[in-house]
Amino acid sequence: MSQQMIFVNLPVTDLDASKRFFTELGYSIDARFSNEDAASVVISDTIVAMLLTRPFYATFTKKEIADATTTSEVLICLSADSREKVDELVGKALAAGGTESRPAQDRGFMYGRSFDDLDGHTWEIVWMDPAAIEG
């Protein structure tokens, strides 16, 4: 079976600012799939965030586009290799202009924090103890 990829399409107000935000988090922009209307942010080998200008995003749907600063449309959750990596990525997001969307959640076997990007999309970063998953 081939490995599937996920492409998360997100409407953004200022494409250049959003590109800067995600590159400051350590992600890269794939120029092959980017132009003045879209930026392809490579999260991993199988996860890509497509940042689309609001007018371009509108060409893919007949629905009203949510204002993620006032409405929750999705919670995007990414795994991290350790508690420290959770804090590191969220720290980068806050330094790049993101906002912490809720206090850290520490359940011992699982630790997570979340931030809202420049357009209000919520990103959760979570570490889970591998022993808890196996047991």
C-alpha atoms as a PDB file:
ATOM      1  CA  MET A   1       0.000   0.000   0.000  1.00  0.00           C
ATOM      2  CA  SER A   2       1.388   3.406  -0.895  1.00  0.00           C
ATOM      3  CA  GLN A   3       1.890   6.052   1.756  1.00  0.00           C
ATOM      4  CA  GLN A   4      -0.808   8.729   1.691  1.00  0.00           C
ATOM      5  CA  MET A   5      -0.120  12.415   2.055  1.00  0.00           C
ATOM      6  CA  ILE A   6      -2.290  15.074   3.620  1.00  0.00           C
ATOM      7  CA  PHE A   7      -2.633  18.565   2.182  1.00  0.00           C
ATOM      8  CA  VAL A   8      -4.233  20.973   4.645  1.00  0.00           C
ATOM      9  CA  ASN A   9      -5.608  23.951   2.696  1.00  0.00           C
ATOM     10  CA  LEU A  10      -5.876  27.150   4.730  1.00  0.00           C
ATOM     11  CA  PRO A  11      -7.116  30.594   3.679  1.00  0.00           C
ATOM     12  CA  VAL A  12      -4.730  33.419   4.584  1.00  0.00           C
ATOM     13  CA  THR A  13      -5.036  37.186   4.510  1.00  0.00           C
ATOM     14  CA  ASP A  14      -1.376  38.074   3.878  1.00  0.00           C
ATOM     15  CA  LEU A  15       0.442  35.320   1.981  1.00  0.00           C
ATOM     16  CA  ASP A  16       3.922  36.818   2.396  1.00  0.00           C
ATOM     17  CA  ALA A  17       3.481  37.257   6.166  1.00  0.00           C
ATOM     18  CA  SER A  18       2.164  33.690   6.481  1.00  0.00           C
ATOM     19  CA  LYS A  19       5.133  32.340   4.511  1.00  0.00           C
ATOM     20  CA  ARG A  20       7.523  34.189   6.834  1.00  0.00           C
ATOM     21  CA  PHE A  21       5.667  32.861   9.887  1.00  0.00           C
ATOM     22  CA  PHE A  22       5.972  29.219   8.838  1.00  0.00           C
ATOM     23  CA  THR A  23       9.581  29.504   7.708  1.00  0.00           C
ATOM     24  CA  GLU A  24      10.409  31.006  11.121  1.00  0.00           C
ATOM     25  CA  LEU A  25       8.998  27.800  12.625  1.00  0.00           C
ATOM     26  CA  GLY A  26      11.584  25.887  10.610  1.00  0.00           C
ATOM     27  CA  TYR A  27       9.407  24.694   7.731  1.00  0.00           C
ATOM     28  CA  SER A  28      10.290  25.195   4.070  1.00  0.00           C
ATOM     29  CA  ILE A  29       8.284  26.520   1.130  1.00  0.00           C
ATOM     30  CA  ASP A  30       8.159  24.261  -1.929  1.00  0.00           C
ATOM     31  CA  ALA A  31       8.479  26.752  -4.798  1.00  0.00           C
ATOM     32  CA  ARG A  32       7.241  24.168  -7.315  1.00  0.00           C
ATOM     33  CA  PHE A  33       3.741  24.426  -5.843  1.00  0.00           C
ATOM     34  CA  SER A  34       3.766  28.086  -4.840  1.00  0.00           C
ATOM     35  CA  ASN A  35       2.861  31.290  -6.659  1.00  0.00           C
ATOM     36  CA  GLU A  36       1.255  34.669  -5.916  1.00  0.00           C
ATOM     37  CA  ASP A  37      -1.953  32.917  -4.786  1.00  0.00           C
ATOM     38  CA  ALA A  38      -0.564  29.955  -2.840  1.00  0.00           C
ATOM     39  CA  ALA A  39       2.390  28.693  -0.836  1.00  0.00           C
ATOM     40  CA  SER A  40       3.197  25.046  -0.236  1.00  0.00           C
ATOM     41  CA  VAL A  41       4.594  24.664   3.309  1.00  0.00           C
ATOM     42  CA  VAL A  42       6.390  21.354   3.804  1.00  0.00           C
ATOM     43  CA  ILE A  43       5.684  20.094   7.332  1.00  0.00           C
ATOM     44  CA  SER A  44       7.040  16.571   6.714  1.00  0.00           C
ATOM     45  CA  ASP A  45       7.382  14.016   3.921  1.00  0.00           C
ATOM     46  CA  THR A  46       3.645  13.342   4.162  1.00  0.00           C
ATOM     47  CA  ILE A  47       2.152  16.616   5.464  1.00  0.00           C
ATOM     48  CA  VAL A  48       1.856  19.840   3.469  1.00  0.00           C
ATOM     49  CA  ALA A  49       0.018  23.010   4.466  1.00  0.00           C
ATOM     50  CA  MET A  50      -1.260  24.875   1.417  1.00  0.00           C
ATOM     51  CA  LEU A  51      -1.629  28.541   2.287  1.00  0.00           C
ATOM     52  CA  LEU A  52      -4.116  30.067  -0.142  1.00  0.00           C
ATOM     53  CA  THR A  53      -5.085  33.712  -0.502  1.00  0.00           C
ATOM     54  CA  ARG A  54      -8.725  34.116   0.465  1.00  0.00           C
ATOM     55  CA  PRO A  55      -9.866  34.886  -3.125  1.00  0.00           C
ATOM     56  CA  PHE A  56      -8.012  31.817  -4.448  1.00  0.00           C
ATOM     57  CA  TYR A  57      -9.346  29.631  -1.626  1.00  0.00           C
ATOM     58  CA  ALA A  58     -12.870  30.772  -2.581  1.00  0.00           C
ATOM     59  CA  THR A  59     -12.474  29.169  -6.023  1.00  0.00           C
ATOM     60  CA  PHE A  60     -12.462  25.721  -4.341  1.00  0.00           C
ATOM     61  CA  THR A  61     -15.717  26.053  -2.390  1.00  0.00           C
ATOM     62  CA  LYS A  62     -19.205  27.505  -2.580  1.00  0.00           C
ATOM     63  CA  LYS A  63     -19.319  27.770   1.222  1.00  0.00           C
ATOM     64  CA  GLU A  64     -18.615  30.876   3.242  1.00  0.00           C
ATOM     65  CA  ILE A  65     -14.968  31.015   4.316  1.00  0.00           C
ATOM     66  CA  ALA A  66     -14.633  30.980   8.089  1.00  0.00           C
ATOM     67  CA  ASP A  67     -12.829  33.762   9.917  1.00  0.00           C
ATOM     68  CA  ALA A  68     -10.562  31.590  12.052  1.00  0.00           C
ATOM     69  CA  THR A  69      -9.917  34.501  14.436  1.00  0.00           C
ATOM     70  CA  THR A  70     -13.540  34.275  15.620  1.00  0.00           C
ATOM     71  CA  THR A  71     -14.692  30.797  14.529  1.00  0.00           C
ATOM     72  CA  SER A  72     -13.031  27.432  15.028  1.00  0.00           C
ATOM     73  CA  GLU A  73     -13.010  25.608  11.705  1.00  0.00           C
ATOM     74  CA  VAL A  74     -10.350  22.990  12.439  1.00  0.00           C
ATOM     75  CA  LEU A  75      -7.759  21.968  15.031  1.00  0.00           C
ATOM     76  CA  ILE A  76      -4.560  20.809  13.366  1.00  0.00           C
ATOM     77  CA  CYS A  77      -2.523  18.536  15.611  1.00  0.00           C
ATOM     78  CA  LEU A  78       1.117  17.649  14.973  1.00  0.00           C
ATOM     79  CA  SER A  79       3.178  15.178  16.978  1.00  0.00           C
ATOM     80  CA  ALA A  80       6.509  16.060  18.568  1.00  0.00           C
ATOM     81  CA  ASP A  81       9.404  13.822  19.606  1.00  0.00           C
ATOM     82  CA  SER A  82       9.616  15.198  23.160  1.00  0.00           C
ATOM     83  CA  ARG A  83       8.187  17.709  25.621  1.00  0.00           C
ATOM     84  CA  GLU A  84      11.121  19.965  24.793  1.00  0.00           C
ATOM     85  CA  LYS A  85      10.260  19.830  21.070  1.00  0.00           C
ATOM     86  CA  VAL A  86       6.672  20.854  21.908  1.00  0.00           C
ATOM     87  CA  ASP A  87       7.943  23.882  23.813  1.00  0.00           C
ATOM     88  CA  GLU A  88      10.524  24.674  21.121  1.00  0.00           C
ATOM     89  CA  LEU A  89       8.013  24.767  18.261  1.00  0.00           C
ATOM     90  CA  VAL A  90       5.395  26.711  20.217  1.00  0.00           C
ATOM     91  CA  GLY A  91       8.128  29.139  21.333  1.00  0.00           C
ATOM     92  CA  LYS A  92       9.082  29.715  17.696  1.00  0.00           C
ATOM     93  CA  ALA A  93       5.432  30.290  16.786  1.00  0.00           C
ATOM     94  CA  LEU A  94       4.974  32.855  19.553  1.00  0.00           C
ATOM     95  CA  ALA A  95       8.208  34.649  18.596  1.00  0.00           C
ATOM     96  CA  ALA A  96       7.011  34.764  14.964  1.00  0.00           C
ATOM     97  CA  GLY A  97       3.741  36.494  15.908  1.00  0.00           C
ATOM     98  CA  GLY A  98       1.440  33.608  16.791  1.00  0.00           C
ATOM     99  CA  THR A  99      -0.614  33.554  19.985  1.00  0.00           C
ATOM    100  CA  GLU A 100      -0.943  30.789  22.554  1.00  0.00           C
ATOM    101  CA  SER A 101      -4.524  29.573  22.286  1.00  0.00           C
ATOM    102  CA  ARG A 102      -4.721  27.791  25.662  1.00  0.00           C
ATOM    103  CA  PRO A 103      -2.465  26.840  28.557  1.00  0.00           C
ATOM    104  CA  ALA A 104      -0.234  23.771  28.295  1.00  0.00           C
ATOM    105  CA  GLN A 105      -1.930  20.441  28.962  1.00  0.00           C
ATOM    106  CA  ASP A 106       0.208  18.012  30.994  1.00  0.00           C
ATOM    107  CA  ARG A 107      -1.272  14.592  31.664  1.00  0.00           C
ATOM    108  CA  GLY A 108       2.042  12.933  32.510  1.00  0.00           C
ATOM    109  CA  PHE A 109       2.029  10.475  29.596  1.00  0.00           C
ATOM    110  CA  MET A 110       0.962  13.243  27.209  1.00  0.00           C
ATOM    111  CA  TYR A 111       2.032  16.887  26.955  1.00  0.00           C
ATOM    112  CA  GLY A 112       0.660  19.453  24.566  1.00  0.00           C
ATOM    113  CA  ARG A 113       0.473  23.117  23.791  1.00  0.00           C
ATOM    114  CA  SER A 114      -1.316  25.023  21.075  1.00  0.00           C
ATOM    115  CA  PHE A 115      -0.981  28.255  19.165  1.00  0.00           C
ATOM    116  CA  ASP A 116      -2.979  30.229  16.647  1.00  0.00           C
ATOM    117  CA  ASP A 117      -1.126  31.281  13.488  1.00  0.00           C
ATOM    118  CA  LEU A 118      -1.409  34.771  11.989  1.00  0.00           C
ATOM    119  CA  ASP A 119      -4.859  33.980  10.547  1.00  0.00           C
ATOM    120  CA  GLY A 120      -6.207  32.314  13.696  1.00  0.00           C
ATOM    121  CA  HIS A 121      -5.840  28.688  12.585  1.00  0.00           C
ATOM    122  CA  THR A 122      -5.183  26.569  15.680  1.00  0.00           C
ATOM    123  CA  TRP A 123      -2.168  24.242  15.680  1.00  0.00           C
ATOM    124  CA  GLU A 124      -1.752  21.761  18.540  1.00  0.00           C
ATOM    125  CA  ILE A 125       1.681  20.260  19.192  1.00  0.00           C
ATOM    126  CA  VAL A 126       1.601  17.064  21.253  1.00  0.00           C
ATOM    127  CA  TRP A 127       4.129  14.628  22.695  1.00  0.00           C
ATOM    128  CA  MET A 128       2.927  11.247  23.921  1.00  0.00           C
ATOM    129  CA  ASP A 129       5.063   8.777  25.897  1.00  0.00           C
ATOM    130  CA  PRO A 130       5.670   5.791  23.589  1.00  0.00           C
ATOM    131  CA  ALA A 131       5.345   3.426  26.575  1.00  0.00           C
ATOM    132  CA  ALA A 132       1.797   4.696  27.156  1.00  0.00           C
ATOM    133  CA  ILE A 133       0.885   3.969  23.560  1.00  0.00           C
ATOM    134  CA  GLU A 134       2.276   0.414  23.698  1.00  0.00           C
ATOM    135  CA  GLY A 135       0.840  -0.434  27.085  1.00  0.00           C
END
